Amino acid sequence: MALPRKLKNMNLFNDGESYVGLAKTVTLPTLARKMEAFRAAGMNGPVKVDLGLGDDGIQLEWTTGGLDVQVFRQFGITRADGVLLRFAGAYQRDDTGEVSAVELVVRGRHEEIGMGDAEVGEDTEQTVTTTCSYYKLTVDNEVLVEIDILNMVEIVDGEDRLAEQRAAIGL
């Protein structure tokens, strides 16, 4: 019998600045594909055709305690990869005690910054939604997924799944 790896601690870095003591939650991006049903002659049912990444893109949502001035300085940044965020998580198995280092690096820009409710004597939070053009997931120093939308790169488990498409269009 085995027990799953569970998040025991984490940190978030914004352009290299540690958010220890500031970051409260990080909602890691959902990876999604845009699939379209296709059915033609001789087929007894539809097959979903993969049309690339989902239309909602890649988003990282995160919450800090209190007021974070740095995100306001980054708001409206013109480069699609202008903000660098790094999530570092320690996931531990309670049966073996083994700790796995999980790192997620994204680049993008802030789509929404919410300052939450302002009430004297109550906790304050700031929420940020960052739309990402770059995504890299590493577990125990092994890169599992790397997506660079602007450069048409999609590497999964060491295989560049868009290499042939780039070659076909002269990139």
Protein backbone atom coordinates (compact mmCIF):
# COMPACT_ATOMS: atom_id res chain seq x y z
CA MET A 1 0.00 0.00 0.00
CA ALA A 2 1.20 3.51 -0.78
CA LEU A 3 0.14 6.97 0.26
CA PRO A 4 0.04 9.92 -2.16
CA ARG A 5 2.40 12.86 -2.26
CA LYS A 6 0.72 15.77 -0.50
CA LEU A 7 1.76 19.42 -0.51
CA LYS A 8 3.43 20.12 2.84
CA ASN A 9 4.93 23.55 2.11
CA MET A 10 5.44 25.99 -0.73
CA ASN A 11 6.87 29.28 -1.84
CA LEU A 12 6.11 31.64 -4.68
CA PHE A 13 8.65 33.90 -6.37
CA ASN A 14 7.70 36.96 -8.41
CA ASP A 15 10.56 38.05 -10.68
CA GLY A 16 12.95 36.39 -8.24
CA GLU A 17 11.47 37.97 -5.11
CA SER A 18 10.47 35.41 -2.47
CA TYR A 19 6.90 35.54 -1.19
CA VAL A 20 7.60 33.56 1.99
CA GLY A 21 5.15 34.87 4.55
CA LEU A 22 3.10 36.59 1.82
CA ALA A 23 1.75 33.92 -0.57
CA LYS A 24 -1.36 32.24 0.84
CA THR A 25 -2.66 30.14 -2.04
CA VAL A 26 -1.55 29.26 -5.55
CA THR A 27 -3.98 27.67 -7.99
CA LEU A 28 -1.72 25.87 -10.41
CA PRO A 29 -2.71 26.06 -14.10
CA THR A 30 -5.00 23.52 -15.69
CA LEU A 31 -3.57 22.12 -18.90
CA ALA A 32 -6.31 21.70 -21.49
CA ARG A 33 -6.55 20.72 -25.15
CA LYS A 34 -9.05 22.03 -27.67
CA MET A 35 -10.73 18.95 -29.13
CA GLU A 36 -13.24 18.83 -31.95
CA ALA A 37 -15.40 15.85 -32.82
CA PHE A 38 -14.84 14.55 -36.37
CA ARG A 39 -16.92 11.85 -38.03
CA ALA A 40 -16.73 10.89 -41.70
CA ALA A 41 -17.58 8.07 -44.08
CA GLY A 42 -16.67 4.62 -42.82
CA MET A 43 -16.48 5.74 -39.18
CA ASN A 44 -18.91 4.23 -36.69
CA GLY A 45 -18.49 7.17 -34.34
CA PRO A 46 -16.63 10.43 -33.86
CA VAL A 47 -12.96 10.81 -33.06
CA LYS A 48 -11.85 13.89 -31.16
CA VAL A 49 -9.28 15.80 -33.23
CA ASP A 50 -6.64 17.66 -31.22
CA LEU A 51 -6.46 21.32 -32.27
CA GLY A 52 -3.81 22.41 -29.78
CA LEU A 53 -4.06 24.09 -26.41
CA GLY A 54 -7.47 25.03 -25.02
CA ASP A 55 -8.98 28.42 -25.81
CA ASP A 56 -8.83 29.52 -22.17
CA GLY A 57 -5.04 29.39 -22.28
CA ILE A 58 -2.82 28.80 -19.27
CA GLN A 59 -3.55 30.77 -16.11
CA LEU A 60 -2.00 30.90 -12.65
CA GLU A 61 -4.18 32.29 -9.88
CA TRP A 62 -2.63 33.29 -6.59
CA THR A 63 -3.48 35.05 -3.37
CA THR A 64 -1.32 37.07 -1.02
CA GLY A 65 -2.05 38.28 2.46
CA GLY A 66 -2.26 42.05 2.67
CA LEU A 67 -1.12 44.48 0.01
CA ASP A 68 1.47 43.51 -2.64
CA VAL A 69 2.71 46.64 -4.40
CA GLN A 70 4.95 44.77 -6.88
CA VAL A 71 2.00 43.36 -8.88
CA PHE A 72 0.65 46.86 -9.47
CA ARG A 73 4.03 47.89 -10.89
CA GLN A 74 3.74 44.94 -13.28
CA PHE A 75 0.13 45.64 -14.32
CA GLY A 76 -0.24 46.48 -18.00
CA ILE A 77 3.22 45.22 -18.88
CA THR A 78 3.36 45.10 -22.67
CA ARG A 79 5.32 41.85 -23.17
CA ALA A 80 3.26 38.63 -23.22
CA ASP A 81 6.03 36.99 -21.16
CA GLY A 82 6.89 40.05 -19.07
CA VAL A 83 6.35 38.61 -15.58
CA LEU A 84 8.24 35.57 -14.28
CA LEU A 85 6.59 33.52 -11.52
CA ARG A 86 8.00 30.39 -9.90
CA PHE A 87 6.10 28.05 -7.60
CA ALA A 88 8.21 25.73 -5.45
CA GLY A 89 6.36 22.99 -3.60
CA ALA A 90 7.45 20.28 -1.18
CA TYR A 91 5.20 17.24 -1.67
CA GLN A 92 5.69 14.46 0.87
CA ARG A 93 4.51 10.87 1.15
CA ASP A 94 3.43 9.95 4.66
CA ASP A 95 4.23 6.25 4.21
CA THR A 96 7.91 6.68 3.26
CA GLY A 97 8.61 10.28 4.28
CA GLU A 98 10.03 10.92 0.80
CA VAL A 99 9.82 14.58 -0.28
CA SER A 100 9.41 15.51 -3.94
CA ALA A 101 10.44 18.94 -5.16
CA VAL A 102 7.86 20.35 -7.56
CA GLU A 103 8.72 23.50 -9.49
CA LEU A 104 6.42 25.35 -11.84
CA VAL A 105 7.84 28.27 -13.80
CA VAL A 106 5.49 30.47 -15.80
CA ARG A 107 5.91 33.68 -17.75
CA GLY A 108 3.04 35.95 -18.63
CA ARG A 109 1.23 39.06 -17.47
CA HIS A 110 -1.40 39.88 -14.92
CA GLU A 111 -4.92 39.84 -16.26
CA GLU A 112 -6.69 40.67 -13.02
CA ILE A 113 -5.66 42.08 -9.66
CA GLY A 114 -8.33 42.05 -6.96
CA MET A 115 -7.81 43.90 -3.70
CA GLY A 116 -10.69 42.13 -1.94
CA ASP A 117 -12.74 43.53 0.88
CA ALA A 118 -11.32 46.41 2.89
CA GLU A 119 -12.65 46.15 6.44
CA VAL A 120 -10.91 47.53 9.50
CA GLY A 121 -9.80 44.81 11.90
CA GLU A 122 -10.34 42.00 9.36
CA ASP A 123 -7.94 39.98 7.23
CA THR A 124 -7.11 41.42 3.81
CA GLU A 125 -6.14 39.45 0.74
CA GLN A 126 -5.08 40.32 -2.76
CA THR A 127 -5.84 37.98 -5.65
CA VAL A 128 -3.98 37.91 -8.95
CA THR A 129 -4.76 36.07 -12.18
CA THR A 130 -1.72 35.75 -14.42
CA THR A 131 -2.22 34.68 -18.04
CA CYS A 132 0.79 32.66 -19.14
CA SER A 133 2.60 32.32 -22.45
CA TYR A 134 5.23 29.96 -20.97
CA TYR A 135 4.85 26.95 -18.65
CA LYS A 136 7.46 24.52 -17.31
CA LEU A 137 6.70 21.77 -14.79
CA THR A 138 9.63 20.01 -13.12
CA VAL A 139 9.31 17.22 -10.54
CA ASP A 140 12.43 16.03 -8.72
CA ASN A 141 14.67 17.72 -11.33
CA GLU A 142 12.87 16.00 -14.23
CA VAL A 143 11.15 18.30 -16.73
CA LEU A 144 7.73 16.78 -17.42
CA VAL A 145 6.07 19.53 -19.48
CA GLU A 146 7.42 22.66 -21.15
CA ILE A 147 5.15 24.85 -23.25
CA ASP A 148 6.35 28.01 -24.95
CA ILE A 149 3.34 29.34 -26.84
CA LEU A 150 5.15 32.25 -28.50
CA ASN A 151 7.87 29.97 -29.92
CA MET A 152 5.55 27.04 -30.77
CA VAL A 153 7.30 24.61 -28.42
CA GLU A 154 5.46 21.84 -26.59
CA ILE A 155 7.71 19.30 -24.90
CA VAL A 156 6.10 16.48 -22.93
CA ASP A 157 8.30 13.89 -21.21
CA GLY A 158 11.26 14.88 -23.39
CA GLU A 159 9.40 14.75 -26.72
CA ASP A 160 8.94 18.00 -28.66
CA ARG A 161 5.47 17.40 -30.03
CA LEU A 162 5.51 20.44 -32.31
CA ALA A 163 8.97 19.96 -33.88
CA GLU A 164 7.59 18.47 -37.10
CA GLN A 165 4.95 21.20 -37.40
CA ARG A 166 7.60 23.91 -36.96
CA ALA A 167 9.74 22.26 -39.64
CA ALA A 168 6.73 21.97 -41.99
CA ILE A 169 6.08 25.72 -41.81
CA GLY A 170 9.72 26.75 -42.00
CA LEU A 171 10.41 27.60 -38.37
